[in-house]
Amino acid sequence: MLTSGETLESRVKALEDHCNQAIREHRTVFNRQMKRSELEDENGNRDPMLRSALPTKVKGDLFRIVEIDGIEKNACGGTHVENLAELQCVKITGHSWKASTKILTLSFLIGQRVLDRFDKCCARESAMINDLSCKREKLPDLVQQRLQQLTVANRQVKALSDELVQFLASDMLTKASEGKVVGTFRDCESAFLHLLEKALSEKIKASEGGPRAILLCCPTAFLFADYNEGTPLLSNKDMLSSLLAEFGAKGAGGKKPIWQGKSITGVKERNFKKAMGIIEEAAKDL
């Protein structure tokens, strides 16, 4: 239990300090054979130095007891250092508390691994100081400032992206005139195609007599949407096979009325134009 004013973090730090103090004191580690009667009385009262109960499944009356001089002793069959000084130092790198089981899990490093981690941390810190051109003690504040600036910039980019999507959708529909199929090839991320498809879909549904199919392409992916009731174009297997062959794709999927896929060879503008021709030919009967 934590005392008043004590935090879990302060308790963990105190534990780390106690460990390192014991290492600095060069505490000896003993291991010896001891009888049960030497460790607990007939009423089961244990030696105060014995932190855990003796194992019940041990054959015979002898136990291998490992003792850290002046700190604790426990039954253990493992390998141990002869003196805590061999450990050099201990650094607790993380902890987590599970309230339901009241178990505290610690992550820690010992000895050379502490020094290795310190070397890596120093290298990262030096790189950040060089990149951000600031003093070591200013790093946390400057990183926080950059994160806040990035958040603002991301919001601005999203607003501009939404505005661009709406503009492109309106422009594409205007240029499509009375055509049954509208499409474009853009050098963008595939996620942008989905934003553009959504905007086009909303505008098409709000209008009458507009395009009923959309083909959107970027260098790595393509997206075909069919807004005809019953999806007659999506049910045209020959047309879909031709699209797959043109885009160099092995397969495509998605929820109707969206049909999407990734190109293995890469989508180019000439592929897009040929694919538009395939779709327009199939759409003549709509």
C-alpha atoms as a PDB file:
ATOM      1  CA  MET A   1       0.000   0.000   0.000  1.00  0.00           C
ATOM      2  CA  LEU A   2       1.150   3.518  -0.785  1.00  0.00           C
ATOM      3  CA  THR A   3       1.484   5.924   2.100  1.00  0.00           C
ATOM      4  CA  SER A   4      -0.012   9.412   2.079  1.00  0.00           C
ATOM      5  CA  GLY A   5       1.753  11.611  -0.457  1.00  0.00           C
ATOM      6  CA  GLU A   6       3.589   8.645  -1.992  1.00  0.00           C
ATOM      7  CA  THR A   7       3.193   7.719  -5.660  1.00  0.00           C
ATOM      8  CA  LEU A   8       3.869   4.476  -7.474  1.00  0.00           C
ATOM      9  CA  GLU A   9       6.651   6.236  -9.385  1.00  0.00           C
ATOM     10  CA  SER A  10       8.349   7.362  -6.154  1.00  0.00           C
ATOM     11  CA  ARG A  11       8.035   3.850  -4.688  1.00  0.00           C
ATOM     12  CA  VAL A  12       9.644   2.322  -7.797  1.00  0.00           C
ATOM     13  CA  LYS A  13      12.437   4.924  -7.709  1.00  0.00           C
ATOM     14  CA  ALA A  14      13.047   4.140  -4.023  1.00  0.00           C
ATOM     15  CA  LEU A  15      13.317   0.431  -4.878  1.00  0.00           C
ATOM     16  CA  GLU A  16      15.892   1.200  -7.567  1.00  0.00           C
ATOM     17  CA  ASP A  17      17.860   3.363  -5.119  1.00  0.00           C
ATOM     18  CA  HIS A  18      17.868   0.592  -2.487  1.00  0.00           C
ATOM     19  CA  CYS A  19      19.141  -1.929  -5.051  1.00  0.00           C
ATOM     20  CA  ASN A  20      22.000   0.313  -6.138  1.00  0.00           C
ATOM     21  CA  GLN A  21      22.873   1.134  -2.524  1.00  0.00           C
ATOM     22  CA  ALA A  22      23.188  -2.597  -1.776  1.00  0.00           C
ATOM     23  CA  ILE A  23      25.445  -2.970  -4.826  1.00  0.00           C
ATOM     24  CA  ARG A  24      27.655  -0.111  -3.625  1.00  0.00           C
ATOM     25  CA  GLU A  25      27.889  -1.804  -0.221  1.00  0.00           C
ATOM     26  CA  HIS A  26      29.342  -4.938  -1.875  1.00  0.00           C
ATOM     27  CA  ARG A  27      26.835  -7.229  -0.156  1.00  0.00           C
ATOM     28  CA  THR A  28      27.946 -10.875  -0.188  1.00  0.00           C
ATOM     29  CA  VAL A  29      25.632 -13.533  -1.640  1.00  0.00           C
ATOM     30  CA  PHE A  30      25.738 -16.905   0.155  1.00  0.00           C
ATOM     31  CA  ASN A  31      24.189 -20.210  -0.809  1.00  0.00           C
ATOM     32  CA  ARG A  32      24.035 -23.058   1.663  1.00  0.00           C
ATOM     33  CA  GLN A  33      22.103 -26.216   2.501  1.00  0.00           C
ATOM     34  CA  MET A  34      19.697 -25.671   5.413  1.00  0.00           C
ATOM     35  CA  LYS A  35      17.117 -27.832   7.161  1.00  0.00           C
ATOM     36  CA  ARG A  36      13.471 -26.860   7.371  1.00  0.00           C
ATOM     37  CA  SER A  37      13.802 -26.679  11.168  1.00  0.00           C
ATOM     38  CA  GLU A  38      16.461 -23.968  10.732  1.00  0.00           C
ATOM     39  CA  LEU A  39      14.104 -21.858   8.628  1.00  0.00           C
ATOM     40  CA  GLU A  40      10.729 -22.253  10.310  1.00  0.00           C
ATOM     41  CA  ASP A  41       9.452 -23.601  13.619  1.00  0.00           C
ATOM     42  CA  GLU A  42       6.921 -26.364  14.175  1.00  0.00           C
ATOM     43  CA  ASN A  43       4.102 -23.790  14.030  1.00  0.00           C
ATOM     44  CA  GLY A  44       5.154 -22.658  10.552  1.00  0.00           C
ATOM     45  CA  ASN A  45       6.618 -19.328  11.670  1.00  0.00           C
ATOM     46  CA  ARG A  46       9.355 -18.430   9.191  1.00  0.00           C
ATOM     47  CA  ASP A  47      12.747 -16.853   9.708  1.00  0.00           C
ATOM     48  CA  PRO A  48      12.097 -13.072   9.250  1.00  0.00           C
ATOM     49  CA  MET A  49      14.806 -12.989   6.579  1.00  0.00           C
ATOM     50  CA  LEU A  50      12.988 -15.662   4.566  1.00  0.00           C
ATOM     51  CA  ARG A  51      10.795 -13.662   2.179  1.00  0.00           C
ATOM     52  CA  SER A  52       8.835 -16.547   0.616  1.00  0.00           C
ATOM     53  CA  ALA A  53       7.351 -19.755   1.966  1.00  0.00           C
ATOM     54  CA  LEU A  54       9.450 -22.890   1.556  1.00  0.00           C
ATOM     55  CA  PRO A  55       8.431 -25.052  -1.416  1.00  0.00           C
ATOM     56  CA  THR A  56       6.185 -27.952  -0.414  1.00  0.00           C
ATOM     57  CA  LYS A  57       7.200 -30.398  -3.168  1.00  0.00           C
ATOM     58  CA  VAL A  58      10.885 -30.668  -2.231  1.00  0.00           C
ATOM     59  CA  LYS A  59      11.944 -34.216  -1.360  1.00  0.00           C
ATOM     60  CA  GLY A  60      13.745 -34.530   1.938  1.00  0.00           C
ATOM     61  CA  ASP A  61      14.362 -31.923   4.595  1.00  0.00           C
ATOM     62  CA  LEU A  62      17.225 -29.967   3.002  1.00  0.00           C
ATOM     63  CA  PHE A  63      16.817 -26.747   1.008  1.00  0.00           C
ATOM     64  CA  ARG A  64      19.315 -24.759  -1.020  1.00  0.00           C
ATOM     65  CA  ILE A  65      19.042 -21.272   0.473  1.00  0.00           C
ATOM     66  CA  VAL A  66      20.459 -18.188  -1.231  1.00  0.00           C
ATOM     67  CA  GLU A  67      21.041 -15.250   1.101  1.00  0.00           C
ATOM     68  CA  ILE A  68      21.944 -11.645   0.333  1.00  0.00           C
ATOM     69  CA  ASP A  69      23.871 -10.583   3.410  1.00  0.00           C
ATOM     70  CA  GLY A  70      21.658  -8.505   5.687  1.00  0.00           C
ATOM     71  CA  ILE A  71      18.797  -8.228   3.183  1.00  0.00           C
ATOM     72  CA  GLU A  72      16.936 -11.491   2.560  1.00  0.00           C
ATOM     73  CA  LYS A  73      17.159 -15.224   2.005  1.00  0.00           C
ATOM     74  CA  ASN A  74      15.093 -17.551  -0.182  1.00  0.00           C
ATOM     75  CA  ALA A  75      15.042 -21.116  -1.420  1.00  0.00           C
ATOM     76  CA  CYS A  76      16.435 -21.134  -4.957  1.00  0.00           C
ATOM     77  CA  GLY A  77      18.175 -23.578  -7.276  1.00  0.00           C
ATOM     78  CA  GLY A  78      19.451 -20.977  -9.751  1.00  0.00           C
ATOM     79  CA  THR A  79      22.860 -19.451 -10.460  1.00  0.00           C
ATOM     80  CA  HIS A  80      23.824 -16.320  -8.529  1.00  0.00           C
ATOM     81  CA  VAL A  81      26.664 -13.839  -8.302  1.00  0.00           C
ATOM     82  CA  GLU A  82      28.939 -14.165  -5.280  1.00  0.00           C
ATOM     83  CA  ASN A  83      28.786 -10.455  -4.522  1.00  0.00           C
ATOM     84  CA  LEU A  84      26.251  -7.791  -5.530  1.00  0.00           C
ATOM     85  CA  ALA A  85      29.134  -5.598  -6.734  1.00  0.00           C
ATOM     86  CA  GLU A  86      29.350  -7.900  -9.778  1.00  0.00           C
ATOM     87  CA  LEU A  87      26.005  -6.469 -10.940  1.00  0.00           C
ATOM     88  CA  GLN A  88      27.518  -2.961 -11.258  1.00  0.00           C
ATOM     89  CA  CYS A  89      24.138  -1.181 -11.245  1.00  0.00           C
ATOM     90  CA  VAL A  90      20.390  -1.596 -11.727  1.00  0.00           C
ATOM     91  CA  LYS A  91      18.086   0.615 -13.789  1.00  0.00           C
ATOM     92  CA  ILE A  92      14.304   0.130 -13.760  1.00  0.00           C
ATOM     93  CA  THR A  93      13.148   1.071 -17.265  1.00  0.00           C
ATOM     94  CA  GLY A  94       9.416   0.625 -16.853  1.00  0.00           C
ATOM     95  CA  HIS A  95       6.613  -0.574 -14.614  1.00  0.00           C
ATOM     96  CA  SER A  96       2.920  -1.427 -14.833  1.00  0.00           C
ATOM     97  CA  TRP A  97       0.371  -1.983 -12.086  1.00  0.00           C
ATOM     98  CA  LYS A  98      -2.584  -4.334 -12.539  1.00  0.00           C
ATOM     99  CA  ALA A  99      -5.195  -3.342  -9.979  1.00  0.00           C
ATOM    100  CA  SER A 100      -7.305  -6.498 -10.379  1.00  0.00           C
ATOM    101  CA  THR A 101      -4.441  -8.770  -9.285  1.00  0.00           C
ATOM    102  CA  LYS A 102      -2.429  -6.155  -7.374  1.00  0.00           C
ATOM    103  CA  ILE A 103       0.667  -7.245  -9.264  1.00  0.00           C
ATOM    104  CA  LEU A 104       3.424  -4.766 -10.134  1.00  0.00           C
ATOM    105  CA  THR A 105       5.456  -5.749 -13.206  1.00  0.00           C
ATOM    106  CA  LEU A 106       8.926  -4.216 -13.564  1.00  0.00           C
ATOM    107  CA  SER A 107      11.238  -3.974 -16.575  1.00  0.00           C
ATOM    108  CA  PHE A 108      14.882  -3.425 -15.723  1.00  0.00           C
ATOM    109  CA  LEU A 109      18.468  -3.576 -16.943  1.00  0.00           C
ATOM    110  CA  ILE A 110      21.586  -4.647 -15.036  1.00  0.00           C
ATOM    111  CA  GLY A 111      25.304  -4.030 -15.451  1.00  0.00           C
ATOM    112  CA  GLN A 112      26.691  -3.671 -18.972  1.00  0.00           C
ATOM    113  CA  ARG A 113      23.196  -3.518 -20.446  1.00  0.00           C
ATOM    114  CA  VAL A 114      22.593  -0.293 -18.509  1.00  0.00           C
ATOM    115  CA  LEU A 115      25.752   1.190 -20.030  1.00  0.00           C
ATOM    116  CA  ASP A 116      24.796  -0.023 -23.521  1.00  0.00           C
ATOM    117  CA  ARG A 117      21.359   1.572 -23.208  1.00  0.00           C
ATOM    118  CA  PHE A 118      22.955   4.776 -21.898  1.00  0.00           C
ATOM    119  CA  ASP A 119      25.265   4.917 -24.934  1.00  0.00           C
ATOM    120  CA  LYS A 120      22.279   4.615 -27.271  1.00  0.00           C
ATOM    121  CA  CYS A 121      20.312   7.251 -25.355  1.00  0.00           C
ATOM    122  CA  CYS A 122      23.270   9.652 -25.500  1.00  0.00           C
ATOM    123  CA  ALA A 123      23.606   9.091 -29.255  1.00  0.00           C
ATOM    124  CA  ARG A 124      19.898   9.781 -29.809  1.00  0.00           C
ATOM    125  CA  GLU A 125      20.042  12.851 -27.582  1.00  0.00           C
ATOM    126  CA  SER A 126      23.057  14.232 -29.450  1.00  0.00           C
ATOM    127  CA  ALA A 127      21.304  13.681 -32.782  1.00  0.00           C
ATOM    128  CA  MET A 128      18.200  15.524 -31.552  1.00  0.00           C
ATOM    129  CA  ILE A 129      20.282  18.400 -30.167  1.00  0.00           C
ATOM    130  CA  ASN A 130      22.019  18.684 -33.533  1.00  0.00           C
ATOM    131  CA  ASP A 131      18.781  18.484 -35.559  1.00  0.00           C
ATOM    132  CA  LEU A 132      16.832  20.894 -33.352  1.00  0.00           C
ATOM    133  CA  SER A 133      19.772  23.210 -32.629  1.00  0.00           C
ATOM    134  CA  CYS A 134      19.025  23.592 -28.949  1.00  0.00           C
ATOM    135  CA  LYS A 135      20.548  22.933 -25.554  1.00  0.00           C
ATOM    136  CA  ARG A 136      20.070  19.560 -23.877  1.00  0.00           C
ATOM    137  CA  GLU A 137      17.788  20.898 -21.134  1.00  0.00           C
ATOM    138  CA  LYS A 138      15.552  22.575 -23.734  1.00  0.00           C
ATOM    139  CA  LEU A 139      14.809  19.368 -25.652  1.00  0.00           C
ATOM    140  CA  PRO A 140      11.504  18.404 -23.948  1.00  0.00           C
ATOM    141  CA  ASP A 141      10.000  21.885 -24.330  1.00  0.00           C
ATOM    142  CA  LEU A 142      11.134  22.214 -27.931  1.00  0.00           C
ATOM    143  CA  VAL A 143       9.812  18.772 -28.894  1.00  0.00           C
ATOM    144  CA  GLN A 144       6.456  19.634 -27.292  1.00  0.00           C
ATOM    145  CA  GLN A 145       6.412  22.909 -29.206  1.00  0.00           C
ATOM    146  CA  ARG A 146       7.121  21.107 -32.492  1.00  0.00           C
ATOM    147  CA  LEU A 147       4.349  18.593 -31.794  1.00  0.00           C
ATOM    148  CA  GLN A 148       1.868  21.410 -31.202  1.00  0.00           C
ATOM    149  CA  GLN A 149       2.963  23.069 -34.437  1.00  0.00           C
ATOM    150  CA  LEU A 150       2.577  19.758 -36.259  1.00  0.00           C
ATOM    151  CA  THR A 151      -0.957  19.340 -34.888  1.00  0.00           C
ATOM    152  CA  VAL A 152      -1.925  22.791 -36.171  1.00  0.00           C
ATOM    153  CA  ALA A 153      -0.277  22.095 -39.538  1.00  0.00           C
ATOM    154  CA  ASN A 154      -2.090  18.748 -39.882  1.00  0.00           C
ATOM    155  CA  ARG A 155      -5.422  20.461 -39.253  1.00  0.00           C
ATOM    156  CA  GLN A 156      -4.627  23.043 -41.912  1.00  0.00           C
ATOM    157  CA  VAL A 157      -3.571  20.335 -44.374  1.00  0.00           C
ATOM    158  CA  LYS A 158      -6.798  18.415 -43.718  1.00  0.00           C
ATOM    159  CA  ALA A 159      -8.893  21.539 -44.287  1.00  0.00           C
ATOM    160  CA  LEU A 160      -7.050  22.278 -47.539  1.00  0.00           C
ATOM    161  CA  SER A 161      -7.318  18.622 -48.582  1.00  0.00           C
ATOM    162  CA  ASP A 162     -11.088  18.644 -47.983  1.00  0.00           C
ATOM    163  CA  GLU A 163     -11.376  21.866 -49.983  1.00  0.00           C
ATOM    164  CA  LEU A 164      -9.280  20.394 -52.817  1.00  0.00           C
ATOM    165  CA  VAL A 165     -11.386  17.225 -52.897  1.00  0.00           C
ATOM    166  CA  GLN A 166     -14.601  19.233 -53.231  1.00  0.00           C
ATOM    167  CA  PHE A 167     -13.096  21.404 -55.978  1.00  0.00           C
ATOM    168  CA  LEU A 168     -11.795  18.406 -57.944  1.00  0.00           C
ATOM    169  CA  ALA A 169     -15.113  16.574 -57.636  1.00  0.00           C
ATOM    170  CA  SER A 170     -17.057  19.580 -58.957  1.00  0.00           C
ATOM    171  CA  ASP A 171     -14.527  20.146 -61.754  1.00  0.00           C
ATOM    172  CA  MET A 172     -14.614  16.489 -62.831  1.00  0.00           C
ATOM    173  CA  LEU A 173     -18.410  16.431 -62.971  1.00  0.00           C
ATOM    174  CA  THR A 174     -18.502  19.674 -64.956  1.00  0.00           C
ATOM    175  CA  LYS A 175     -16.042  18.309 -67.516  1.00  0.00           C
ATOM    176  CA  ALA A 176     -17.857  14.993 -67.682  1.00  0.00           C
ATOM    177  CA  SER A 177     -20.934  16.796 -69.020  1.00  0.00           C
ATOM    178  CA  GLU A 178     -23.454  14.136 -70.045  1.00  0.00           C
ATOM    179  CA  GLY A 179     -20.958  11.291 -69.947  1.00  0.00           C
ATOM    180  CA  LYS A 180     -21.845   8.114 -68.103  1.00  0.00           C
ATOM    181  CA  VAL A 181     -18.341   7.627 -66.705  1.00  0.00           C
ATOM    182  CA  VAL A 182     -16.083  10.127 -64.911  1.00  0.00           C
ATOM    183  CA  GLY A 183     -12.491   9.514 -63.873  1.00  0.00           C
ATOM    184  CA  THR A 184      -9.019  10.875 -63.270  1.00  0.00           C
ATOM    185  CA  PHE A 185      -5.400   9.833 -62.799  1.00  0.00           C
ATOM    186  CA  ARG A 186      -3.581  11.646 -60.001  1.00  0.00           C
ATOM    187  CA  ASP A 187      -0.123  11.306 -58.487  1.00  0.00           C
ATOM    188  CA  CYS A 188      -1.377  10.907 -54.912  1.00  0.00           C
ATOM    189  CA  GLU A 189      -1.754   8.429 -52.069  1.00  0.00           C
ATOM    190  CA  SER A 190      -4.457   5.790 -52.446  1.00  0.00           C
ATOM    191  CA  ALA A 191      -6.283   7.191 -49.386  1.00  0.00           C
ATOM    192  CA  PHE A 192      -6.932  10.384 -51.369  1.00  0.00           C
ATOM    193  CA  LEU A 193      -8.854   8.343 -53.964  1.00  0.00           C
ATOM    194  CA  HIS A 194     -11.354   7.292 -51.304  1.00  0.00           C
ATOM    195  CA  LEU A 195     -11.903  10.906 -50.225  1.00  0.00           C
ATOM    196  CA  LEU A 196     -12.443  11.919 -53.843  1.00  0.00           C
ATOM    197  CA  GLU A 197     -14.820   9.013 -54.472  1.00  0.00           C
ATOM    198  CA  LYS A 198     -16.885   9.978 -51.434  1.00  0.00           C
ATOM    199  CA  ALA A 199     -17.184  13.586 -52.610  1.00  0.00           C
ATOM    200  CA  LEU A 200     -18.104  12.494 -56.149  1.00  0.00           C
ATOM    201  CA  SER A 201     -20.644  10.013 -54.832  1.00  0.00           C
ATOM    202  CA  GLU A 202     -22.385  12.667 -52.736  1.00  0.00           C
ATOM    203  CA  LYS A 203     -22.531  15.106 -55.655  1.00  0.00           C
ATOM    204  CA  ILE A 204     -23.759  12.449 -58.096  1.00  0.00           C
ATOM    205  CA  LYS A 205     -26.537  11.338 -55.739  1.00  0.00           C
ATOM    206  CA  ALA A 206     -27.596  14.970 -55.287  1.00  0.00           C
ATOM    207  CA  SER A 207     -27.885  15.505 -59.054  1.00  0.00           C
ATOM    208  CA  GLU A 208     -29.952  13.934 -61.803  1.00  0.00           C
ATOM    209  CA  GLY A 209     -28.650  12.512 -65.031  1.00  0.00           C
ATOM    210  CA  GLY A 210     -24.997  12.714 -64.019  1.00  0.00           C
ATOM    211  CA  PRO A 211     -22.280  10.056 -64.430  1.00  0.00           C
ATOM    212  CA  ARG A 212     -23.126   6.694 -62.935  1.00  0.00           C
ATOM    213  CA  ALA A 213     -19.610   5.234 -62.745  1.00  0.00           C
ATOM    214  CA  ILE A 214     -16.254   6.507 -61.460  1.00  0.00           C
ATOM    215  CA  LEU A 215     -12.686   5.381 -62.139  1.00  0.00           C
ATOM    216  CA  LEU A 216      -9.968   6.913 -59.962  1.00  0.00           C
ATOM    217  CA  CYS A 217      -6.300   5.985 -60.304  1.00  0.00           C
ATOM    218  CA  CYS A 218      -2.979   6.746 -58.619  1.00  0.00           C
ATOM    219  CA  PRO A 219       0.452   5.173 -59.278  1.00  0.00           C
ATOM    220  CA  THR A 220      -0.162   2.268 -56.895  1.00  0.00           C
ATOM    221  CA  ALA A 221      -3.907   1.652 -56.854  1.00  0.00           C
ATOM    222  CA  PHE A 222      -7.210   2.088 -58.643  1.00  0.00           C
ATOM    223  CA  LEU A 223     -10.788   2.487 -57.488  1.00  0.00           C
ATOM    224  CA  PHE A 224     -13.898   1.800 -59.559  1.00  0.00           C
ATOM    225  CA  ALA A 225     -17.323   2.817 -58.227  1.00  0.00           C
ATOM    226  CA  ASP A 226     -20.637   1.938 -59.857  1.00  0.00           C
ATOM    227  CA  TYR A 227     -23.798   3.754 -58.744  1.00  0.00           C
ATOM    228  CA  ASN A 228     -26.224   2.006 -61.070  1.00  0.00           C
ATOM    229  CA  GLU A 229     -28.971   0.210 -59.203  1.00  0.00           C
ATOM    230  CA  GLY A 230     -28.173  -3.478 -59.376  1.00  0.00           C
ATOM    231  CA  THR A 231     -24.551  -2.618 -60.243  1.00  0.00           C
ATOM    232  CA  PRO A 232     -24.692  -3.835 -63.885  1.00  0.00           C
ATOM    233  CA  LEU A 233     -21.119  -2.700 -64.593  1.00  0.00           C
ATOM    234  CA  LEU A 234     -19.719  -4.472 -61.552  1.00  0.00           C
ATOM    235  CA  SER A 235     -21.517  -7.630 -62.630  1.00  0.00           C
ATOM    236  CA  ASN A 236     -19.769  -7.481 -66.025  1.00  0.00           C
ATOM    237  CA  LYS A 237     -17.030 -10.042 -65.416  1.00  0.00           C
ATOM    238  CA  ASP A 238     -15.421  -9.553 -68.819  1.00  0.00           C
ATOM    239  CA  MET A 239     -15.029  -5.828 -68.173  1.00  0.00           C
ATOM    240  CA  LEU A 240     -13.585  -6.387 -64.700  1.00  0.00           C
ATOM    241  CA  SER A 241     -11.130  -8.969 -66.040  1.00  0.00           C
ATOM    242  CA  SER A 242     -10.015  -6.493 -68.688  1.00  0.00           C
ATOM    243  CA  LEU A 243      -9.451  -3.842 -66.019  1.00  0.00           C
ATOM    244  CA  LEU A 244      -7.365  -6.233 -63.932  1.00  0.00           C
ATOM    245  CA  ALA A 245      -5.245  -7.123 -66.938  1.00  0.00           C
ATOM    246  CA  GLU A 246      -4.766  -3.452 -67.879  1.00  0.00           C
ATOM    247  CA  PHE A 247      -3.676  -2.479 -64.375  1.00  0.00           C
ATOM    248  CA  GLY A 248      -1.451  -5.523 -63.861  1.00  0.00           C
ATOM    249  CA  ALA A 249      -3.404  -6.553 -60.781  1.00  0.00           C
ATOM    250  CA  LYS A 250      -4.020 -10.077 -59.497  1.00  0.00           C
ATOM    251  CA  GLY A 251      -7.231  -9.296 -57.688  1.00  0.00           C
ATOM    252  CA  ALA A 252      -9.491  -6.626 -56.300  1.00  0.00           C
ATOM    253  CA  GLY A 253     -12.159  -6.330 -53.670  1.00  0.00           C
ATOM    254  CA  GLY A 254     -14.193  -4.013 -51.527  1.00  0.00           C
ATOM    255  CA  LYS A 255     -17.801  -3.448 -50.620  1.00  0.00           C
ATOM    256  CA  LYS A 256     -20.294  -2.629 -53.351  1.00  0.00           C
ATOM    257  CA  PRO A 257     -20.486  -0.307 -55.105  1.00  0.00           C
ATOM    258  CA  ILE A 258     -16.730   0.189 -54.632  1.00  0.00           C
ATOM    259  CA  TRP A 259     -14.300  -2.092 -56.463  1.00  0.00           C
ATOM    260  CA  GLN A 260     -10.655  -1.453 -55.612  1.00  0.00           C
ATOM    261  CA  GLY A 261      -7.277  -3.019 -56.158  1.00  0.00           C
ATOM    262  CA  LYS A 262      -3.518  -2.541 -56.109  1.00  0.00           C
ATOM    263  CA  SER A 263      -1.283  -2.644 -59.149  1.00  0.00           C
ATOM    264  CA  ILE A 264       1.782  -4.878 -59.130  1.00  0.00           C
ATOM    265  CA  THR A 265       3.434  -3.222 -62.125  1.00  0.00           C
ATOM    266  CA  GLY A 266       2.302   0.335 -61.346  1.00  0.00           C
ATOM    267  CA  VAL A 267      -0.576   2.389 -62.760  1.00  0.00           C
ATOM    268  CA  LYS A 268       0.323   4.937 -65.426  1.00  0.00           C
ATOM    269  CA  GLU A 269      -1.815   7.536 -67.159  1.00  0.00           C
ATOM    270  CA  ARG A 270      -1.930   5.456 -70.341  1.00  0.00           C
ATOM    271  CA  ASN A 271      -3.363   2.541 -68.335  1.00  0.00           C
ATOM    272  CA  PHE A 272      -6.002   4.881 -66.956  1.00  0.00           C
ATOM    273  CA  LYS A 273      -7.030   6.087 -70.432  1.00  0.00           C
ATOM    274  CA  LYS A 274      -7.315   2.520 -71.760  1.00  0.00           C
ATOM    275  CA  ALA A 275      -9.307   1.502 -68.685  1.00  0.00           C
ATOM    276  CA  MET A 276     -11.678   4.450 -69.170  1.00  0.00           C
ATOM    277  CA  GLY A 277     -12.259   3.254 -72.724  1.00  0.00           C
ATOM    278  CA  ILE A 278     -13.073  -0.250 -71.477  1.00  0.00           C
ATOM    279  CA  ILE A 279     -15.599   1.096 -68.953  1.00  0.00           C
ATOM    280  CA  GLU A 280     -17.191   3.564 -71.401  1.00  0.00           C
ATOM    281  CA  GLU A 281     -17.644   0.772 -73.931  1.00  0.00           C
ATOM    282  CA  ALA A 282     -19.352  -1.386 -71.314  1.00  0.00           C
ATOM    283  CA  ALA A 283     -21.507   1.573 -70.208  1.00  0.00           C
ATOM    284  CA  LYS A 284     -23.003   2.226 -73.647  1.00  0.00           C
ATOM    285  CA  ASP A 285     -25.943  -0.041 -72.905  1.00  0.00           C
ATOM    286  CA  LEU A 286     -26.839   1.688 -69.599  1.00  0.00           C
END
